[in-house]
Amino acid sequence: MCERSLATFEFWSGGRDRAVMLTYEEMEEVESALEDIYPDGMTDTELNDLFWFDFGFVCESIGLSYDEENDEVIRN
């Protein structure tokens, strides 16, 4: 992954729209999960695209759900 914290990563476009839905603590959890899932790291574009186009996966990686139709994170 990039060398900086996921919580301070500068997302763009749709990636940014999704990233702001998560709290700082949730972003830290996602960072930890992604380090396990992608041990060789990700490029900035891969990371941004993951948030933009597969935000449901991002949410699921930390036990949340994403309602794509209503564009909202569901915290149980």
N, C-alpha and C. Protein backbone atom coordinates (compact mmCIF):
# COMPACT_ATOMS: atom_id res chain seq x y z
N MET A 1 0.86 -1.17 0.00
CA MET A 1 0.00 0.00 0.00
C MET A 1 0.90 1.23 0.00
N CYS A 2 0.32 2.37 -0.11
CA CYS A 2 1.11 3.58 -0.10
C CYS A 2 1.77 3.71 1.27
N GLU A 3 2.80 4.51 1.34
CA GLU A 3 3.56 4.65 2.57
C GLU A 3 2.86 5.50 3.62
N ARG A 4 1.87 6.27 3.23
CA ARG A 4 1.16 7.12 4.18
C ARG A 4 -0.08 6.42 4.72
N SER A 5 -0.62 6.97 5.77
CA SER A 5 -1.82 6.41 6.39
C SER A 5 -3.01 6.53 5.44
N LEU A 6 -3.84 5.50 5.48
CA LEU A 6 -5.05 5.52 4.64
C LEU A 6 -5.96 6.68 5.03
N ALA A 7 -5.98 7.03 6.32
CA ALA A 7 -6.82 8.13 6.80
C ALA A 7 -6.40 9.48 6.23
N THR A 8 -5.15 9.59 5.78
CA THR A 8 -4.68 10.86 5.22
C THR A 8 -4.46 10.78 3.71
N PHE A 9 -4.79 9.63 3.12
CA PHE A 9 -4.65 9.45 1.68
C PHE A 9 -5.57 10.43 0.96
N GLU A 10 -5.09 11.04 -0.10
CA GLU A 10 -5.89 12.00 -0.86
C GLU A 10 -6.63 11.29 -1.99
N PHE A 11 -7.82 10.79 -1.67
CA PHE A 11 -8.67 10.17 -2.68
C PHE A 11 -9.16 11.24 -3.65
N TRP A 12 -9.62 10.81 -4.82
CA TRP A 12 -10.18 11.74 -5.80
C TRP A 12 -11.46 11.16 -6.38
N SER A 13 -12.25 12.03 -6.97
CA SER A 13 -13.51 11.67 -7.63
C SER A 13 -14.37 10.77 -6.76
N GLY A 14 -14.87 9.67 -7.32
CA GLY A 14 -15.77 8.77 -6.60
C GLY A 14 -15.12 8.11 -5.40
N GLY A 15 -13.82 7.90 -5.44
CA GLY A 15 -13.11 7.34 -4.29
C GLY A 15 -13.23 8.25 -3.08
N ARG A 16 -13.10 9.55 -3.31
CA ARG A 16 -13.25 10.53 -2.23
C ARG A 16 -14.68 10.55 -1.70
N ASP A 17 -15.65 10.46 -2.60
CA ASP A 17 -17.06 10.47 -2.19
C ASP A 17 -17.36 9.32 -1.24
N ARG A 18 -16.72 8.17 -1.46
CA ARG A 18 -16.96 7.02 -0.60
C ARG A 18 -16.14 7.10 0.68
N ALA A 19 -14.89 7.50 0.57
CA ALA A 19 -13.98 7.52 1.72
C ALA A 19 -14.51 8.41 2.85
N VAL A 20 -15.15 9.50 2.52
CA VAL A 20 -15.65 10.41 3.56
C VAL A 20 -16.81 9.80 4.34
N MET A 21 -17.34 8.68 3.88
CA MET A 21 -18.43 8.02 4.61
C MET A 21 -17.92 7.24 5.81
N LEU A 22 -16.62 7.00 5.88
CA LEU A 22 -16.05 6.21 6.97
C LEU A 22 -15.41 7.12 8.01
N THR A 23 -15.47 6.69 9.26
CA THR A 23 -14.83 7.43 10.34
C THR A 23 -13.32 7.18 10.30
N TYR A 24 -12.60 7.96 11.05
CA TYR A 24 -11.15 7.78 11.15
C TYR A 24 -10.83 6.37 11.63
N GLU A 25 -11.54 5.92 12.65
CA GLU A 25 -11.31 4.58 13.20
C GLU A 25 -11.62 3.49 12.17
N GLU A 26 -12.68 3.68 11.41
CA GLU A 26 -13.02 2.71 10.36
C GLU A 26 -11.95 2.70 9.27
N MET A 27 -11.41 3.86 8.94
CA MET A 27 -10.34 3.91 7.94
C MET A 27 -9.10 3.16 8.43
N GLU A 28 -8.81 3.26 9.72
CA GLU A 28 -7.68 2.52 10.27
C GLU A 28 -7.92 1.01 10.18
N GLU A 29 -9.16 0.59 10.43
CA GLU A 29 -9.51 -0.83 10.30
C GLU A 29 -9.37 -1.29 8.85
N VAL A 30 -9.84 -0.46 7.92
CA VAL A 30 -9.73 -0.80 6.50
C VAL A 30 -8.26 -0.92 6.11
N GLU A 31 -7.44 0.01 6.58
CA GLU A 31 -6.02 -0.03 6.26
C GLU A 31 -5.41 -1.36 6.71
N SER A 32 -5.72 -1.77 7.91
CA SER A 32 -5.21 -3.04 8.43
C SER A 32 -5.71 -4.22 7.59
N ALA A 33 -6.98 -4.22 7.25
CA ALA A 33 -7.55 -5.29 6.44
C ALA A 33 -6.90 -5.34 5.06
N LEU A 34 -6.71 -4.19 4.45
CA LEU A 34 -6.12 -4.15 3.10
C LEU A 34 -4.67 -4.60 3.11
N GLU A 35 -3.95 -4.31 4.20
CA GLU A 35 -2.57 -4.78 4.30
C GLU A 35 -2.52 -6.30 4.31
N ASP A 36 -3.53 -6.93 4.94
CA ASP A 36 -3.59 -8.39 4.94
C ASP A 36 -4.01 -8.94 3.58
N ILE A 37 -4.97 -8.29 2.94
CA ILE A 37 -5.51 -8.76 1.66
C ILE A 37 -4.54 -8.52 0.51
N TYR A 38 -3.83 -7.38 0.56
CA TYR A 38 -2.88 -7.01 -0.49
C TYR A 38 -1.49 -6.85 0.11
N PRO A 39 -0.83 -7.96 0.48
CA PRO A 39 0.47 -7.87 1.15
C PRO A 39 1.55 -7.19 0.32
N ASP A 40 1.40 -7.19 -1.00
CA ASP A 40 2.39 -6.54 -1.86
C ASP A 40 2.07 -5.06 -2.09
N GLY A 41 0.99 -4.59 -1.47
CA GLY A 41 0.62 -3.19 -1.59
C GLY A 41 -0.26 -2.91 -2.79
N MET A 42 -0.64 -1.66 -2.92
CA MET A 42 -1.50 -1.20 -4.00
C MET A 42 -0.98 0.14 -4.50
N THR A 43 -1.21 0.42 -5.75
CA THR A 43 -0.89 1.75 -6.26
C THR A 43 -1.97 2.72 -5.79
N ASP A 44 -1.69 3.99 -5.88
CA ASP A 44 -2.69 5.00 -5.52
C ASP A 44 -3.96 4.82 -6.33
N THR A 45 -3.81 4.54 -7.62
CA THR A 45 -4.97 4.37 -8.49
C THR A 45 -5.77 3.13 -8.11
N GLU A 46 -5.09 2.03 -7.82
CA GLU A 46 -5.79 0.82 -7.39
C GLU A 46 -6.58 1.06 -6.11
N LEU A 47 -5.98 1.77 -5.17
CA LEU A 47 -6.65 2.06 -3.91
C LEU A 47 -7.86 2.95 -4.14
N ASN A 48 -7.70 4.01 -4.89
CA ASN A 48 -8.81 4.91 -5.18
C ASN A 48 -9.94 4.18 -5.91
N ASP A 49 -9.57 3.36 -6.89
CA ASP A 49 -10.58 2.61 -7.65
C ASP A 49 -11.30 1.60 -6.79
N LEU A 50 -10.60 0.99 -5.83
CA LEU A 50 -11.25 0.05 -4.92
C LEU A 50 -12.36 0.76 -4.14
N PHE A 51 -12.07 1.94 -3.62
CA PHE A 51 -13.09 2.69 -2.89
C PHE A 51 -14.20 3.14 -3.82
N TRP A 52 -13.85 3.56 -5.03
CA TRP A 52 -14.82 4.10 -5.97
C TRP A 52 -15.75 3.02 -6.51
N PHE A 53 -15.16 1.92 -6.97
CA PHE A 53 -15.94 0.93 -7.71
C PHE A 53 -16.30 -0.33 -6.92
N ASP A 54 -15.67 -0.53 -5.77
CA ASP A 54 -15.96 -1.74 -4.98
C ASP A 54 -16.03 -1.40 -3.49
N PHE A 55 -16.77 -0.33 -3.18
CA PHE A 55 -16.86 0.13 -1.81
C PHE A 55 -17.58 -0.88 -0.92
N GLY A 56 -18.45 -1.69 -1.50
CA GLY A 56 -19.10 -2.75 -0.74
C GLY A 56 -18.07 -3.71 -0.16
N PHE A 57 -17.06 -4.06 -0.95
CA PHE A 57 -15.98 -4.93 -0.48
C PHE A 57 -15.20 -4.26 0.64
N VAL A 58 -14.92 -2.97 0.47
CA VAL A 58 -14.19 -2.22 1.50
C VAL A 58 -14.96 -2.29 2.81
N CYS A 59 -16.25 -2.01 2.76
CA CYS A 59 -17.08 -2.04 3.96
C CYS A 59 -17.13 -3.43 4.57
N GLU A 60 -17.33 -4.43 3.74
CA GLU A 60 -17.41 -5.81 4.22
C GLU A 60 -16.12 -6.24 4.90
N SER A 61 -15.00 -5.70 4.47
CA SER A 61 -13.71 -6.10 5.04
C SER A 61 -13.60 -5.73 6.52
N ILE A 62 -14.47 -4.81 6.99
CA ILE A 62 -14.45 -4.43 8.41
C ILE A 62 -15.82 -4.63 9.06
N GLY A 63 -16.64 -5.45 8.45
CA GLY A 63 -17.91 -5.82 9.07
C GLY A 63 -19.05 -4.84 8.89
N LEU A 64 -18.93 -3.93 7.93
CA LEU A 64 -20.00 -3.00 7.62
C LEU A 64 -20.68 -3.43 6.32
N SER A 65 -21.81 -2.83 6.02
CA SER A 65 -22.49 -3.06 4.75
C SER A 65 -22.60 -1.73 4.02
N TYR A 66 -22.69 -1.82 2.71
CA TYR A 66 -22.86 -0.62 1.89
C TYR A 66 -24.11 -0.78 1.06
N ASP A 67 -25.03 0.16 1.22
CA ASP A 67 -26.27 0.19 0.45
C ASP A 67 -26.01 1.06 -0.78
N GLU A 68 -25.73 0.39 -1.89
CA GLU A 68 -25.36 1.10 -3.12
C GLU A 68 -26.52 1.96 -3.64
N GLU A 69 -27.72 1.44 -3.52
CA GLU A 69 -28.90 2.16 -4.03
C GLU A 69 -29.07 3.51 -3.32
N ASN A 70 -28.87 3.53 -2.02
CA ASN A 70 -29.03 4.77 -1.24
C ASN A 70 -27.69 5.44 -0.94
N ASP A 71 -26.60 4.86 -1.41
CA ASP A 71 -25.25 5.39 -1.24
C ASP A 71 -24.97 5.71 0.24
N GLU A 72 -25.11 4.67 1.09
CA GLU A 72 -24.86 4.87 2.51
C GLU A 72 -24.26 3.63 3.15
N VAL A 73 -23.47 3.87 4.17
CA VAL A 73 -22.87 2.79 4.95
C VAL A 73 -23.85 2.37 6.02
N ILE A 74 -24.00 1.07 6.19
CA ILE A 74 -24.90 0.54 7.21
C ILE A 74 -24.05 -0.05 8.33
N ARG A 75 -24.18 0.54 9.49
CA ARG A 75 -23.46 0.08 10.68
C ARG A 75 -24.41 -0.70 11.56
N ASN A 76 -24.13 -1.95 11.79
CA ASN A 76 -25.01 -2.78 12.60
C ASN A 76 -24.62 -2.77 14.05
